[in-house]
Amino acid sequence: MTEINIETLEARAMTTDLFSLKGRTALITGGSRGIGKMIAAGFIAQGAKVYISSRKAAACDAAAAELSAGGGVCISLPQDVSTVEGCKALAGAYGAHESKLDILVNNAGAAWGAGFDEFPESGWDKVLNLNLKSPFFLTQALAGPLKAAASAERPAKVIMVASIDGIRPNPQETYSYHASKAGLIHLTRRMAGQLIKDHIVVSGIAPGAFASEMNRDARDRGDAVAKHIPSGRIGTDEDMQGVAIYLASRAGDYVVGATVAVDGGVAFAGLGGV
């Protein structure tokens, strides 16, 4: 019988658990639907205890109940995080349950479309406040629990959900959305450089076309949208879950400041717009 080295067995065990989230807690904003809910389901499947937050309490409670139905743990923390006060309130609500936070996913977002000549200040402020300001101030408010969870061996994670619209423009007149997501990608890099010394890894995801309330074209006209995507299809739950689990788990510990495009090739391999 061939003798197996103990170090080899240990290495195999580490590889087997590379994407595991067992024993970790996560907080996902905008977690009651769309991409946030996809990520929550993926984290729960990998063993994480997940808190989700969204502005509408009934929707947040219903999503948490649905996500917990399979035997996992999902807890609803409804909160509007479009203001600094709201970010602090969510941090306080989380702190009433947990002293440590392993994974923060800043996913809550909004969009606004209007012609250049008519684009309103309200559409600018609403989108920039939620998409760009809130991720910074929520992370700031949760810095204590993130630092408490973090170590060199197992860093805490902050994942920003940006968009490929922050990498390249599309034909839609969503000026504040484009600006907010481009800013979020750069903010991800800047925060990563600051927080890594505390063993907090900041990274980002730039989704393309996924069926959601935010992207109604992908939801309602998926086949038509797919014609403009090099991969020939819109994204699935598994596509989003895969990259989020990667960044949140041991597998993504050395990915610092990067934003991963998950878009079937539109941003970097496409010849047209979606």
Protein backbone atom coordinates (compact mmCIF):
# COMPACT_ATOMS: atom_id res chain seq x y z
CA MET A 1 0.00 0.00 0.00
CA THR A 2 1.38 3.40 -0.97
CA GLU A 3 2.15 5.61 1.99
CA ILE A 4 0.46 9.02 1.77
CA ASN A 5 2.35 11.98 3.19
CA ILE A 6 0.56 13.83 6.02
CA GLU A 7 1.24 17.15 4.30
CA THR A 8 -0.44 15.80 1.16
CA LEU A 9 -3.54 14.86 3.15
CA GLU A 10 -3.62 18.30 4.76
CA ALA A 11 -3.27 19.95 1.36
CA ARG A 12 -6.15 17.87 0.00
CA ALA A 13 -8.33 18.82 2.96
CA MET A 14 -7.55 22.51 2.42
CA THR A 15 -8.42 22.23 -1.26
CA THR A 16 -11.67 20.45 -0.47
CA ASP A 17 -12.68 23.34 1.82
CA LEU A 18 -11.39 26.04 -0.52
CA PHE A 19 -14.86 27.42 -1.26
CA SER A 20 -16.50 26.58 2.07
CA LEU A 21 -18.14 29.34 4.11
CA LYS A 22 -18.92 27.18 7.14
CA GLY A 23 -18.66 29.08 10.39
CA ARG A 24 -18.81 32.50 8.70
CA THR A 25 -21.40 35.23 8.98
CA ALA A 26 -22.38 37.48 6.09
CA LEU A 27 -24.46 40.64 5.68
CA ILE A 28 -25.86 41.39 2.23
CA THR A 29 -27.61 44.67 1.43
CA GLY A 30 -30.31 44.54 -1.21
CA GLY A 31 -30.57 40.88 -0.31
CA SER A 32 -34.30 40.37 -0.74
CA ARG A 33 -34.26 40.05 -4.54
CA GLY A 34 -32.14 39.95 -7.68
CA ILE A 35 -28.38 39.62 -7.42
CA GLY A 36 -28.36 40.06 -3.66
CA LYS A 37 -30.75 37.17 -3.18
CA MET A 38 -28.72 35.01 -5.60
CA ILE A 39 -25.59 35.67 -3.54
CA ALA A 40 -27.42 34.98 -0.27
CA ALA A 41 -28.61 31.60 -1.54
CA GLY A 42 -25.09 30.71 -2.66
CA PHE A 43 -23.54 31.66 0.67
CA ILE A 44 -26.14 29.66 2.59
CA ALA A 45 -25.46 26.62 0.41
CA GLN A 46 -21.79 26.88 1.38
CA GLY A 47 -22.63 26.94 5.08
CA ALA A 48 -22.66 30.64 5.95
CA LYS A 49 -25.08 32.29 8.36
CA VAL A 50 -26.55 35.10 6.30
CA TYR A 51 -28.23 38.36 7.24
CA ILE A 52 -30.04 40.18 4.46
CA SER A 53 -31.19 43.77 4.43
CA SER A 54 -33.48 45.74 2.15
CA ARG A 55 -35.62 48.84 2.36
CA LYS A 56 -38.98 47.04 2.34
CA ALA A 57 -39.47 45.08 5.55
CA ALA A 58 -42.14 42.69 4.26
CA ALA A 59 -40.07 41.71 1.23
CA CYS A 60 -36.95 41.26 3.37
CA ASP A 61 -38.79 39.07 5.88
CA ALA A 62 -40.33 36.95 3.11
CA ALA A 63 -36.99 36.45 1.37
CA ALA A 64 -35.28 35.45 4.61
CA ALA A 65 -38.01 32.90 5.32
CA GLU A 66 -37.69 31.48 1.81
CA LEU A 67 -33.90 31.29 1.99
CA SER A 68 -34.07 29.55 5.38
CA ALA A 69 -36.56 26.95 4.18
CA GLY A 70 -33.90 24.54 2.97
CA GLY A 71 -32.29 24.25 6.38
CA GLY A 72 -29.91 27.19 6.24
CA VAL A 73 -29.93 30.30 8.41
CA CYS A 74 -31.04 33.61 6.94
CA ILE A 75 -32.08 36.54 9.12
CA SER A 76 -33.93 39.65 7.99
CA LEU A 77 -32.64 43.10 8.99
CA PRO A 78 -34.79 45.60 7.07
CA GLN A 79 -33.20 49.02 6.66
CA ASP A 80 -32.92 51.86 4.16
CA VAL A 81 -29.16 52.41 3.74
CA SER A 82 -29.40 55.38 1.38
CA THR A 83 -28.29 57.73 4.18
CA VAL A 84 -25.37 57.69 6.61
CA GLU A 85 -27.88 57.44 9.45
CA GLY A 86 -29.41 54.38 7.78
CA CYS A 87 -26.00 52.77 7.46
CA LYS A 88 -25.32 53.33 11.14
CA ALA A 89 -28.75 51.94 12.02
CA LEU A 90 -28.09 48.74 10.06
CA ALA A 91 -24.69 48.35 11.71
CA GLY A 92 -26.39 48.73 15.08
CA ALA A 93 -29.08 46.19 14.21
CA TYR A 94 -26.43 43.71 13.11
CA GLY A 95 -24.42 44.37 16.27
CA ALA A 96 -27.43 43.38 18.37
CA HIS A 97 -27.06 39.87 16.92
CA GLU A 98 -23.33 39.41 16.26
CA SER A 99 -20.02 40.82 17.47
CA LYS A 100 -18.09 39.77 14.36
CA LEU A 101 -18.73 40.04 10.62
CA ASP A 102 -16.82 37.84 8.19
CA ILE A 103 -18.36 39.02 4.91
CA LEU A 104 -20.06 42.28 3.94
CA VAL A 105 -21.65 42.48 0.49
CA ASN A 106 -22.52 46.04 -0.52
CA ASN A 107 -25.13 45.23 -3.14
CA ALA A 108 -28.04 47.65 -2.63
CA GLY A 109 -28.38 49.91 -5.63
CA ALA A 110 -30.62 52.07 -7.76
CA ALA A 111 -30.73 53.36 -11.34
CA TRP A 112 -32.30 56.34 -13.06
CA GLY A 113 -32.77 56.95 -16.75
CA ALA A 114 -33.59 60.27 -18.40
CA GLY A 115 -32.46 62.30 -21.40
CA PHE A 116 -29.44 64.57 -20.99
CA ASP A 117 -31.45 67.79 -21.16
CA GLU A 118 -34.04 66.58 -18.66
CA PHE A 119 -31.91 64.56 -16.23
CA PRO A 120 -32.97 65.71 -12.71
CA GLU A 121 -30.85 66.42 -9.68
CA SER A 122 -33.05 64.02 -7.72
CA GLY A 123 -32.07 61.19 -10.09
CA TRP A 124 -28.43 62.07 -9.61
CA ASP A 125 -28.53 62.28 -5.82
CA LYS A 126 -30.64 59.16 -5.26
CA VAL A 127 -28.33 56.96 -7.32
CA LEU A 128 -25.01 58.38 -6.11
CA ASN A 129 -26.11 58.25 -2.48
CA LEU A 130 -27.14 54.59 -2.56
CA ASN A 131 -24.64 53.22 -5.08
CA LEU A 132 -21.49 55.04 -4.05
CA LYS A 133 -21.80 56.85 -0.73
CA SER A 134 -23.57 54.09 1.20
CA PRO A 135 -21.01 51.32 0.50
CA PHE A 136 -18.31 53.53 2.00
CA PHE A 137 -20.25 54.58 5.09
CA LEU A 138 -21.73 51.14 5.77
CA THR A 139 -18.26 49.60 5.62
CA GLN A 140 -17.04 52.36 7.93
CA ALA A 141 -19.90 51.67 10.36
CA LEU A 142 -19.12 47.94 10.36
CA ALA A 143 -15.34 48.29 10.58
CA GLY A 144 -15.36 47.09 14.20
CA PRO A 145 -17.09 43.74 13.56
CA LEU A 146 -15.04 43.22 10.38
CA LYS A 147 -11.77 43.78 12.24
CA ALA A 148 -12.96 41.50 15.06
CA ALA A 149 -13.49 38.68 12.55
CA ALA A 150 -10.31 39.27 10.55
CA SER A 151 -6.96 37.57 10.87
CA ALA A 152 -3.98 36.91 8.61
CA GLU A 153 -5.07 33.29 8.33
CA ARG A 154 -8.72 34.14 7.57
CA PRO A 155 -9.28 37.72 6.46
CA ALA A 156 -12.67 39.37 6.56
CA LYS A 157 -14.18 40.28 3.19
CA VAL A 158 -15.95 43.33 1.77
CA ILE A 159 -17.45 42.73 -1.67
CA MET A 160 -18.73 45.67 -3.71
CA VAL A 161 -21.34 44.91 -6.37
CA ALA A 162 -20.60 47.35 -9.19
CA SER A 163 -21.60 46.88 -12.85
CA ILE A 164 -20.01 46.55 -16.27
CA ASP A 165 -21.55 49.98 -16.86
CA GLY A 166 -18.76 51.22 -14.60
CA ILE A 167 -16.21 49.68 -16.98
CA ARG A 168 -17.67 50.81 -20.29
CA PRO A 169 -20.73 52.91 -21.20
CA ASN A 170 -23.86 51.45 -22.72
CA PRO A 171 -26.31 53.33 -24.97
CA GLN A 172 -28.83 53.99 -22.19
CA GLU A 173 -28.95 57.47 -20.68
CA THR A 174 -28.35 56.38 -17.11
CA TYR A 175 -25.76 59.04 -16.34
CA SER A 176 -25.69 58.84 -12.57
CA TYR A 177 -25.68 55.03 -12.64
CA HIS A 178 -22.65 54.89 -14.94
CA ALA A 179 -20.82 57.45 -12.81
CA SER A 180 -21.68 55.71 -9.53
CA LYS A 181 -20.51 52.30 -10.67
CA ALA A 182 -17.27 53.62 -12.16
CA GLY A 183 -16.67 55.43 -8.89
CA LEU A 184 -17.42 52.29 -6.90
CA ILE A 185 -14.83 50.31 -8.84
CA HIS A 186 -12.19 52.91 -8.07
CA LEU A 187 -13.38 53.20 -4.45
CA THR A 188 -12.94 49.43 -4.17
CA ARG A 189 -9.27 49.80 -5.06
CA ARG A 190 -8.71 52.69 -2.68
CA MET A 191 -10.44 51.01 0.26
CA ALA A 192 -8.61 47.76 -0.45
CA GLY A 193 -5.29 49.53 -0.07
CA GLN A 194 -6.36 51.00 3.27
CA LEU A 195 -8.08 48.02 4.89
CA ILE A 196 -5.73 45.19 3.91
CA LYS A 197 -3.45 46.12 6.83
CA ASP A 198 -6.33 45.12 9.11
CA HIS A 199 -6.71 41.81 7.22
CA ILE A 200 -9.89 43.02 5.53
CA VAL A 201 -9.91 42.15 1.83
CA VAL A 202 -11.97 44.47 -0.38
CA SER A 203 -12.90 43.32 -3.89
CA GLY A 204 -15.72 43.79 -6.36
CA ILE A 205 -18.07 42.17 -8.84
CA ALA A 206 -19.20 43.87 -12.05
CA PRO A 207 -22.31 42.03 -13.25
CA GLY A 208 -23.59 42.14 -16.79
CA ALA A 209 -27.05 41.00 -17.82
CA PHE A 210 -28.83 39.12 -15.01
CA ALA A 211 -32.60 38.84 -14.75
CA SER A 212 -33.74 41.17 -11.98
CA GLU A 213 -35.99 44.09 -11.17
CA MET A 214 -32.98 46.33 -11.82
CA ASN A 215 -32.36 44.79 -15.25
CA ARG A 216 -35.83 44.31 -16.65
CA ASP A 217 -34.52 43.88 -20.20
CA ALA A 218 -32.63 40.75 -19.13
CA ARG A 219 -35.63 39.58 -17.13
CA ASP A 220 -38.30 40.20 -19.77
CA ARG A 221 -36.31 40.02 -23.04
CA GLY A 222 -33.58 37.56 -22.18
CA ASP A 223 -33.36 35.98 -25.64
CA ALA A 224 -33.08 39.35 -27.35
CA VAL A 225 -30.44 40.60 -24.90
CA ALA A 226 -28.47 37.36 -25.28
CA LYS A 227 -27.87 38.13 -28.96
CA HIS A 228 -25.54 40.98 -27.91
CA ILE A 229 -23.55 38.87 -25.42
CA PRO A 230 -20.46 36.96 -26.67
CA SER A 231 -21.41 33.94 -24.53
CA GLY A 232 -24.84 33.88 -26.17
CA ARG A 233 -26.91 33.98 -22.96
CA ILE A 234 -27.73 36.09 -19.94
CA GLY A 235 -26.28 35.26 -16.54
CA THR A 236 -27.75 32.63 -14.23
CA ASP A 237 -27.93 32.43 -10.45
CA GLU A 238 -25.00 30.01 -10.49
CA ASP A 239 -22.83 32.43 -12.48
CA MET A 240 -23.28 35.09 -9.82
CA GLN A 241 -23.02 32.68 -6.90
CA GLY A 242 -19.79 31.19 -8.22
CA VAL A 243 -17.85 34.45 -8.28
CA ALA A 244 -19.31 35.70 -4.99
CA ILE A 245 -18.43 32.47 -3.19
CA TYR A 246 -14.94 32.60 -4.70
CA LEU A 247 -14.29 36.10 -3.42
CA ALA A 248 -15.87 35.43 -0.01
CA SER A 249 -14.07 32.15 0.67
CA ARG A 250 -10.46 31.07 1.20
CA ALA A 251 -10.18 30.81 -2.58
CA GLY A 252 -10.33 34.60 -2.89
CA ASP A 253 -8.10 35.63 0.00
CA TYR A 254 -5.33 36.91 -2.31
CA VAL A 255 -7.67 38.88 -4.61
CA VAL A 256 -7.27 42.39 -3.23
CA GLY A 257 -8.80 45.45 -4.89
CA ALA A 258 -9.84 43.69 -8.10
CA THR A 259 -13.31 43.92 -9.61
CA VAL A 260 -14.32 40.81 -11.54
CA ALA A 261 -16.55 41.28 -14.60
CA VAL A 262 -19.25 38.58 -14.72
CA ASP A 263 -20.91 39.37 -18.00
CA GLY A 264 -20.40 36.68 -20.62
CA GLY A 265 -17.69 38.75 -22.29
CA VAL A 266 -19.50 42.03 -22.92
CA ALA A 267 -17.01 44.38 -21.25
CA PHE A 268 -13.78 42.78 -22.43
CA ALA A 269 -14.67 40.49 -25.33
CA GLY A 270 -17.69 42.21 -26.86
CA LEU A 271 -17.92 44.30 -29.99
CA GLY A 272 -21.28 45.92 -29.21
CA GLY A 273 -23.38 47.15 -26.33
CA VAL A 274 -26.16 45.63 -24.26
